[in-house]
Amino acid sequence: MNNVGTPVSIDQEYCPYKCDKKVPSRVKISDVTFDDIRGTSSSKVAVKLRCSSGSPCENVGLSNINLVYKGSDGAATSECANVKPKLTGQLVPPACQLSSA
């Protein structure tokens, strides 16, 4: 990755328009692995796993991630919701430390 915005991303809350967020997505995301991803992120949130509260993600794996944020306002971060990923290997930024599931 070279200066990519949110290089690792599952975002079931994404909506570019005015959306009704009262009803969570019922789409089930499962069996996804992000492995051996390295480089730079143009966004502070380099790892975003925001799954639906109505159908949380299952069997999501993060392994050997090394992403550096190129901005001046701190290190890269991760955001996670409604997912309990399987974490292995080196993980930069630390993944899902402030997650809700």
Protein backbone atom coordinates (compact mmCIF):
# COMPACT_ATOMS: atom_id res chain seq x y z
CA MET A 1 0.00 0.00 0.00
CA ASN A 2 1.26 3.48 -0.80
CA ASN A 3 -0.62 6.40 0.77
CA VAL A 4 -4.00 4.61 0.67
CA GLY A 5 -7.06 5.89 2.58
CA THR A 6 -8.14 3.27 5.14
CA PRO A 7 -6.21 0.36 3.58
CA VAL A 8 -7.99 -2.34 5.62
CA SER A 9 -11.73 -1.74 5.64
CA ILE A 10 -15.09 -3.37 6.22
CA ASP A 11 -17.65 -0.63 6.78
CA GLN A 12 -21.30 -1.66 6.90
CA GLU A 13 -22.23 1.77 8.26
CA TYR A 14 -20.89 3.63 5.21
CA CYS A 15 -23.40 5.90 3.54
CA PRO A 16 -22.50 8.83 1.27
CA TYR A 17 -26.06 10.21 1.51
CA LYS A 18 -28.65 10.80 4.22
CA CYS A 19 -29.41 7.26 5.28
CA ASP A 20 -31.77 5.79 7.82
CA LYS A 21 -29.32 4.29 10.29
CA LYS A 22 -32.12 3.07 12.54
CA VAL A 23 -32.21 -0.26 10.74
CA PRO A 24 -28.87 -2.10 10.72
CA SER A 25 -27.75 -4.06 7.69
CA ARG A 26 -28.73 -7.72 7.65
CA VAL A 27 -25.93 -8.64 5.27
CA LYS A 28 -23.65 -11.16 6.97
CA ILE A 29 -19.92 -10.78 6.29
CA SER A 30 -17.84 -13.82 7.18
CA ASP A 31 -14.65 -15.68 6.33
CA VAL A 32 -12.55 -12.64 5.40
CA THR A 33 -8.80 -12.49 6.04
CA PHE A 34 -6.48 -9.51 5.70
CA ASP A 35 -2.95 -10.93 5.59
CA ASP A 36 0.51 -9.51 4.92
CA ILE A 37 -0.56 -5.92 4.27
CA ARG A 38 2.09 -3.25 4.65
CA GLY A 39 2.78 0.31 3.59
CA THR A 40 1.40 3.77 4.30
CA SER A 41 -2.05 5.12 5.02
CA SER A 42 -3.28 8.59 4.06
CA SER A 43 -5.96 8.35 6.78
CA LYS A 44 -5.30 8.14 10.51
CA VAL A 45 -7.69 5.17 10.77
CA ALA A 46 -5.71 2.56 8.86
CA VAL A 47 -7.79 -0.45 9.95
CA LYS A 48 -11.58 -0.10 10.06
CA LEU A 49 -13.81 -3.07 10.80
CA ARG A 50 -17.30 -1.67 11.39
CA CYS A 51 -19.77 -4.50 11.06
CA SER A 52 -23.54 -4.42 11.39
CA SER A 53 -25.10 -4.64 14.84
CA GLY A 54 -27.93 -6.61 13.21
CA SER A 55 -25.59 -9.23 11.75
CA PRO A 56 -22.09 -9.02 13.26
CA CYS A 57 -19.11 -10.19 11.19
CA GLU A 58 -17.80 -13.70 11.81
CA ASN A 59 -14.44 -15.33 11.19
CA VAL A 60 -12.57 -12.15 10.24
CA GLY A 61 -8.80 -12.45 10.46
CA LEU A 62 -6.01 -9.89 10.69
CA SER A 63 -2.48 -11.18 10.28
CA ASN A 64 0.86 -9.45 9.74
CA ILE A 65 -0.41 -5.90 9.19
CA ASN A 66 2.12 -3.03 9.17
CA LEU A 67 0.57 0.29 8.16
CA VAL A 68 2.11 3.67 8.99
CA TYR A 69 0.07 6.88 8.95
CA LYS A 70 1.85 9.69 7.10
CA GLY A 71 0.01 12.56 8.84
CA SER A 72 1.38 14.79 11.57
CA ASP A 73 -1.34 14.16 14.17
CA GLY A 74 -0.14 10.89 15.66
CA ALA A 75 0.19 7.24 14.78
CA ALA A 76 -2.20 5.09 12.76
CA THR A 77 -5.22 3.72 14.64
CA SER A 78 -7.90 1.07 14.24
CA GLU A 79 -11.68 1.11 14.72
CA CYS A 80 -13.76 -1.99 15.27
CA ALA A 81 -17.43 -2.61 15.99
CA ASN A 82 -19.51 -5.78 16.09
CA VAL A 83 -16.58 -8.01 15.24
CA LYS A 84 -14.16 -10.18 17.21
CA PRO A 85 -11.32 -10.71 14.74
CA LYS A 86 -8.74 -13.44 14.96
CA LEU A 87 -5.44 -11.60 15.45
CA THR A 88 -2.09 -13.18 14.54
CA GLY A 89 1.42 -11.98 13.81
CA GLN A 90 2.62 -8.39 13.94
CA LEU A 91 -0.21 -5.83 13.96
CA VAL A 92 0.63 -2.16 13.40
CA PRO A 93 -1.53 -0.34 14.32
CA PRO A 94 -2.71 -2.52 17.20
CA ALA A 95 -6.05 -3.87 16.01
CA CYS A 96 -9.41 -3.56 17.70
CA GLN A 97 -8.21 -2.47 21.13
CA LEU A 98 -11.24 -0.19 21.53
CA SER A 99 -13.78 -2.46 19.91
CA SER A 100 -17.42 -3.09 20.62
CA ALA A 101 -18.89 -6.48 19.85
